[in-house]
Protein backbone atom coordinates (compact mmCIF):
# COMPACT_ATOMS: atom_id res chain seq x y z
CA MET A 1 -39.19 -41.57 13.37
CA GLU A 2 -41.97 -39.93 11.37
CA VAL A 3 -42.01 -36.95 13.74
CA ILE A 4 -38.32 -36.19 13.14
CA ILE A 5 -38.65 -36.53 9.36
CA ILE A 6 -41.66 -34.20 9.36
CA PHE A 7 -39.84 -31.77 11.67
CA PHE A 8 -36.76 -31.75 9.43
CA ILE A 9 -38.73 -31.23 6.22
CA ALA A 10 -40.90 -28.51 7.76
CA HIS A 11 -37.84 -26.71 9.12
CA TRP A 12 -36.04 -27.02 5.76
CA TYR A 13 -38.84 -25.34 3.81
CA LEU A 14 -39.92 -22.77 6.40
CA SER A 15 -36.34 -21.61 6.97
CA LEU A 16 -35.76 -21.54 3.21
CA PHE A 17 -38.97 -19.60 2.55
CA PHE A 18 -38.03 -16.74 4.86
CA GLN A 19 -34.52 -16.71 3.43
CA THR A 20 -35.69 -16.44 -0.17
CA PHE A 21 -38.81 -14.32 0.45
CA PHE A 22 -37.64 -11.86 3.09
CA LEU A 23 -33.86 -11.78 2.94
CA HIS A 24 -33.32 -12.36 -0.77
CA ARG A 25 -36.22 -11.01 -2.79
CA TYR A 26 -37.22 -8.25 -0.35
CA ALA A 27 -34.08 -7.12 1.50
CA ALA A 28 -31.56 -7.60 -1.30
CA HIS A 29 -33.64 -6.92 -4.42
CA GLU A 30 -36.67 -4.88 -3.35
CA ALA A 31 -38.92 -6.96 -5.62
CA PHE A 32 -41.92 -5.87 -3.53
CA THR A 33 -42.72 -3.47 -0.73
CA MET A 34 -44.36 -3.84 2.69
CA SER A 35 -45.19 -1.59 5.62
CA LYS A 36 -42.66 -1.10 8.41
CA THR A 37 -44.95 -3.00 10.80
CA THR A 38 -45.17 -5.94 8.41
CA GLU A 39 -41.41 -5.77 7.93
CA LYS A 40 -40.87 -6.20 11.68
CA VAL A 41 -43.28 -9.16 11.70
CA PHE A 42 -41.15 -10.83 9.03
CA PHE A 43 -37.98 -10.07 11.01
CA VAL A 44 -39.47 -12.01 13.92
CA LEU A 45 -40.79 -14.86 11.75
CA THR A 46 -37.36 -15.18 10.10
CA TRP A 47 -35.80 -15.51 13.55
CA ILE A 48 -38.34 -18.15 14.60
CA PHE A 49 -37.99 -20.30 11.51
CA GLN A 50 -34.27 -19.87 10.84
CA GLY A 51 -33.65 -20.30 14.54
CA SER A 52 -30.08 -21.24 15.36
CA ASN A 53 -28.86 -20.05 11.95
CA TYR A 54 -30.70 -16.72 11.76
CA LEU A 55 -29.30 -14.35 9.13
CA SER A 56 -29.34 -10.56 9.38
CA ALA A 57 -31.41 -8.92 6.62
CA TYR A 58 -28.79 -6.17 6.45
CA GLY A 59 -25.81 -8.54 6.31
CA TYR A 60 -27.47 -10.84 3.79
CA GLY A 61 -28.91 -8.05 1.64
CA VAL A 62 -25.66 -6.11 1.34
CA MET A 63 -23.53 -9.20 0.69
CA HIS A 64 -25.94 -10.50 -1.94
CA ARG A 65 -25.92 -7.19 -3.79
CA MET A 66 -22.13 -7.42 -3.83
CA HIS A 67 -22.41 -10.94 -5.27
CA HIS A 68 -24.46 -9.65 -8.20
CA ALA A 69 -22.16 -6.68 -8.78
CA TYR A 70 -18.98 -8.80 -8.71
CA ALA A 71 -20.25 -12.22 -9.78
CA ASP A 72 -17.40 -14.65 -10.47
CA THR A 73 -14.68 -12.05 -10.02
CA PRO A 74 -12.09 -11.76 -7.23
CA LYS A 75 -14.45 -9.37 -5.38
CA ASP A 76 -17.32 -11.88 -5.34
CA PRO A 77 -18.10 -12.88 -1.69
CA HIS A 78 -18.67 -16.46 -2.87
CA SER A 79 -17.62 -17.97 -6.18
CA PRO A 80 -16.48 -21.49 -7.17
CA ALA A 81 -14.22 -19.78 -9.69
CA TYR A 82 -12.05 -18.29 -6.93
CA ASP A 83 -12.59 -20.56 -3.92
CA GLY A 84 -10.79 -23.90 -3.90
CA ASN A 85 -13.63 -25.96 -2.47
CA LEU A 86 -17.09 -25.42 -1.03
CA PHE A 87 -15.81 -25.40 2.58
CA LYS A 88 -13.33 -22.64 1.81
CA MET A 89 -16.11 -20.73 0.08
CA MET A 90 -18.44 -21.17 3.06
CA TRP A 91 -15.79 -19.90 5.48
CA LYS A 92 -14.94 -16.91 3.29
CA THR A 93 -18.66 -16.10 2.95
CA LYS A 94 -19.12 -16.35 6.71
CA LYS A 95 -16.27 -13.90 7.39
CA ILE A 96 -17.52 -11.35 4.84
CA TYR A 97 -21.12 -11.66 6.05
CA SER A 98 -20.08 -11.20 9.70
CA ALA A 99 -17.99 -8.14 8.88
CA ILE A 100 -20.93 -6.57 7.05
CA ALA A 101 -23.56 -7.51 9.64
CA ASN A 102 -21.35 -6.19 12.46
CA LYS A 103 -20.54 -3.07 10.38
CA LYS A 104 -16.81 -3.67 10.73
CA THR A 105 -16.13 -3.06 7.06
CA GLU A 106 -16.85 -0.08 4.83
CA VAL A 107 -19.42 -0.77 2.13
CA GLU A 108 -20.35 1.36 -0.85
CA GLU A 109 -23.64 3.24 -0.46
CA ARG A 110 -25.13 1.53 -3.53
CA PHE A 111 -25.06 -1.78 -1.64
CA THR A 112 -26.71 -0.46 1.53
CA ARG A 113 -29.44 1.75 0.05
CA ASN A 114 -32.89 0.76 1.41
CA VAL A 115 -31.67 -2.51 2.92
CA PRO A 116 -33.96 -3.09 5.95
CA GLN A 117 -32.38 -2.77 9.38
CA TRP A 118 -33.67 -3.45 12.89
CA THR A 119 -30.42 -3.26 14.81
CA PRO A 120 -31.61 -4.02 18.39
CA PHE A 121 -33.53 -7.08 17.22
CA ASP A 122 -30.66 -8.25 15.03
CA LEU A 123 -28.24 -8.04 17.95
CA PHE A 124 -30.55 -10.26 19.97
CA ALA A 125 -31.44 -12.71 17.18
CA ARG A 126 -27.80 -13.14 16.11
CA SER A 127 -26.50 -13.52 19.67
CA TRP A 128 -25.03 -16.76 20.97
CA PRO A 129 -27.72 -17.12 23.69
CA SER A 130 -30.40 -17.04 20.97
CA ARG A 131 -28.56 -19.55 18.78
CA ILE A 132 -27.87 -21.89 21.70
CA MET A 133 -31.50 -21.69 22.80
CA TRP A 134 -32.76 -22.75 19.38
CA GLY A 135 -30.09 -25.43 19.10
CA ALA A 136 -31.17 -26.82 22.47
CA VAL A 137 -34.80 -26.86 21.32
CA TYR A 138 -33.83 -29.00 18.34
CA VAL A 139 -31.85 -31.37 20.60
CA LEU A 140 -34.83 -31.79 22.92
CA ILE A 141 -37.11 -32.64 19.98
CA TYR A 142 -34.64 -35.25 18.74
CA TRP A 143 -34.19 -36.62 22.26
CA GLN A 144 -37.93 -37.03 22.54
CA PHE A 145 -38.76 -38.42 19.11
CA ALA A 146 -35.62 -39.88 17.44
CA THR A 147 -36.17 -43.64 17.54
CA VAL A 148 -33.16 -44.74 15.44
CA TRP A 149 -29.56 -43.52 15.64
CA TRP A 150 -29.23 -42.30 12.06
CA LEU A 151 -31.90 -39.64 12.56
CA TRP A 152 -29.39 -37.77 14.72
CA LEU A 153 -27.30 -37.22 11.57
CA LEU A 154 -29.94 -34.71 10.48
CA LEU A 155 -29.46 -32.56 13.58
CA PRO A 156 -26.20 -30.83 12.52
CA VAL A 157 -27.85 -29.95 9.20
CA GLN A 158 -30.69 -28.23 11.08
CA TRP A 159 -28.22 -26.29 13.18
CA MET A 160 -26.76 -24.89 9.92
CA LEU A 161 -29.68 -24.80 7.48
CA ALA A 162 -29.05 -21.27 6.20
CA PRO A 163 -25.41 -21.99 5.20
CA VAL A 164 -26.53 -25.31 3.67
CA HIS A 165 -29.17 -23.54 1.59
CA GLY A 166 -26.63 -20.93 0.58
CA VAL A 167 -23.97 -23.38 -0.55
CA ILE A 168 -26.43 -25.37 -2.70
CA ILE A 169 -27.01 -22.28 -4.81
CA ASN A 170 -23.72 -20.41 -4.50
CA TRP A 171 -21.61 -23.49 -5.27
CA PHE A 172 -23.62 -26.07 -7.18
CA ALA A 173 -25.78 -23.61 -9.18
CA HIS A 174 -22.57 -22.08 -10.54
CA LEU A 175 -21.21 -25.45 -11.64
CA TYR A 176 -24.11 -27.67 -12.72
CA GLY A 177 -27.35 -27.23 -14.64
CA TYR A 178 -28.53 -25.47 -17.78
CA ARG A 179 -28.55 -21.83 -18.90
CA ASN A 180 -31.34 -19.80 -20.46
CA TYR A 181 -29.18 -16.69 -20.77
CA PRO A 182 -25.51 -16.11 -21.73
CA VAL A 183 -24.83 -13.81 -18.77
CA GLY A 184 -21.31 -12.71 -17.84
CA ASP A 185 -20.90 -15.23 -15.02
CA THR A 186 -21.23 -18.97 -14.42
CA SER A 187 -24.77 -18.99 -12.97
CA ARG A 188 -26.94 -21.94 -13.99
CA ASN A 189 -30.42 -23.24 -13.38
CA PHE A 190 -29.59 -26.12 -11.08
CA LEU A 191 -32.96 -27.93 -11.23
CA PRO A 192 -35.45 -27.99 -14.14
CA PHE A 193 -38.30 -28.32 -11.60
CA ASP A 194 -37.32 -26.72 -8.32
CA PHE A 195 -38.98 -28.90 -5.69
CA LEU A 196 -35.98 -28.52 -3.37
CA MET A 197 -35.08 -24.81 -3.19
CA MET A 198 -38.43 -23.05 -3.70
CA GLY A 199 -37.33 -21.30 -6.90
CA GLU A 200 -33.82 -20.37 -5.76
CA SER A 201 -32.19 -22.89 -8.08
CA TYR A 202 -33.31 -20.93 -11.18
CA HIS A 203 -30.09 -19.04 -10.63
CA ASN A 204 -29.27 -18.20 -14.23
CA ASN A 205 -32.73 -16.64 -14.69
CA HIS A 206 -32.16 -14.66 -11.51
CA HIS A 207 -28.76 -13.35 -12.57
CA LYS A 208 -30.31 -12.12 -15.83
CA HIS A 209 -33.26 -10.41 -14.12
CA GLY A 210 -32.00 -9.71 -10.59
CA SER A 211 -34.88 -7.61 -9.26
CA ARG A 212 -37.66 -9.78 -10.65
CA ALA A 213 -39.77 -11.53 -8.01
CA ASN A 214 -40.40 -14.58 -10.20
CA PHE A 215 -37.20 -16.60 -10.61
CA GLY A 216 -38.89 -19.14 -12.91
CA GLY A 217 -41.36 -18.84 -15.76
CA ILE A 218 -38.92 -18.75 -18.67
CA ARG A 219 -39.50 -22.38 -19.66
CA TRP A 220 -42.82 -24.16 -19.12
CA HIS A 221 -41.46 -26.37 -16.33
CA GLU A 222 -39.83 -23.57 -14.34
CA ILE A 223 -42.37 -23.17 -11.55
CA ASP A 224 -41.27 -20.92 -8.69
CA PRO A 225 -43.21 -21.88 -5.51
CA THR A 226 -42.10 -18.77 -3.63
CA TYR A 227 -43.46 -16.53 -6.39
CA LEU A 228 -46.86 -18.21 -6.08
CA LEU A 229 -46.87 -17.29 -2.38
CA ILE A 230 -45.77 -13.74 -3.28
CA LEU A 231 -48.76 -13.45 -5.60
CA LEU A 232 -51.02 -14.65 -2.76
CA PHE A 233 -49.52 -12.18 -0.29
CA ASP A 234 -49.93 -9.40 -2.86
CA LYS A 235 -53.57 -10.37 -3.35
CA LEU A 236 -54.14 -10.34 0.42
CA GLY A 237 -52.51 -6.92 0.76
CA ILE A 238 -49.63 -8.17 2.94
CA ILE A 239 -47.09 -6.90 0.40
CA LYS A 240 -47.21 -4.88 -2.79
CA LEU A 241 -45.54 -6.54 -5.76
CA LYS A 242 -43.66 -4.27 -8.16
CA LYS A 243 -45.55 -5.60 -11.15
CA GLN A 244 -43.83 -3.35 -13.67
CA LYS A 245 -40.65 -5.40 -13.18
CA GLU A 246 -42.52 -8.60 -14.01
CA LEU A 247 -44.19 -7.06 -17.07
CA LYS A 248 -40.88 -5.75 -18.36
CA VAL A 249 -39.38 -9.24 -18.34
CA LEU A 250 -42.44 -10.78 -19.98
CA ARG A 251 -42.36 -8.19 -22.77
CA GLU A 252 -38.66 -8.84 -23.31
CA GLU A 253 -39.22 -12.61 -23.45
CA ARG A 254 -42.05 -12.13 -25.93
CA ARG A 255 -39.86 -10.01 -28.19
CA GLN A 256 -37.06 -12.59 -28.08
CA LYS A 257 -39.45 -15.43 -28.99
CA GLN A 258 -40.89 -13.41 -31.87
CA ALA A 259 -37.39 -12.64 -33.14
CA ALA A 260 -36.44 -16.32 -32.94
C-alpha cells in the first residue's frame, strides 16, 4: 500500500512541477529564459512526468495567454462565470486546447509570440500510443503493488492529473479563497499556504502580476515552492530569471505599504 501512496504523491508533484514551471511560467509567461538545448530537455522531462496526460507547451501557453486576456468574459477558455459546472468547463477547455495544439484554429499573433514549439516531439508525446503506453505503466505498477481495492480509485486520477490540476485552479480558485488585489476578474488565492499546488493557488496574485515568476510573497505566509526551485535553477545557471520583473513588483508593494 505504501508504494502506491508514494507513487501517487510523487507523480502528483512531479507532474504539477513541470506544468507550473515549464508550461505555465516559462511557455505562457516567459518569466525566465533558458537555452534551446535546455528547453528540449524540459520538453522530454514534461513528457516523462506528465505521462499519459502530457500537455503541449504551445497549446497550453497560447490558451493560458488567452485566459489572462479574456479572464471571466465569454472569450475566456475556462471560467466558472460562463460554464455551468466544472465538467462542462473541463470539456470546453479540452476542445479549445486541442484546436490550438493541433493548429486547427486561428490565433492572434500576440498569443503565439515566443511560445516554445517542438512539433515533431509534440506529435509523438501527444499521440495515443504514447498515452496508452504510460497508462499501461501505471496499471502495471498498481497490479504489482496495490494491496487493497480502494487504492485502484487513485488510478483514474493519475491518468488525468493535468486536467485535475487545471480544474483545481481554473474552477475553485475563481470561486473560493481570499483576494490581495481588486483585479477585474474573479481570481482568488485558494490556499493561504500552498502545500497542494506548488504556488499555483495564489491565483489572485498571479492575475495581478502575470509575468512574475513568484506567485506568492505578498503576505508572510504565501510561500511559493516552485519559485524556490526557480531561484535554485537560476543560481545553478540552468535558467536565467528575469529579475527586473520581480524587483518591479517588490517596489510597487513597498510603495503601497508606505501609502497605507
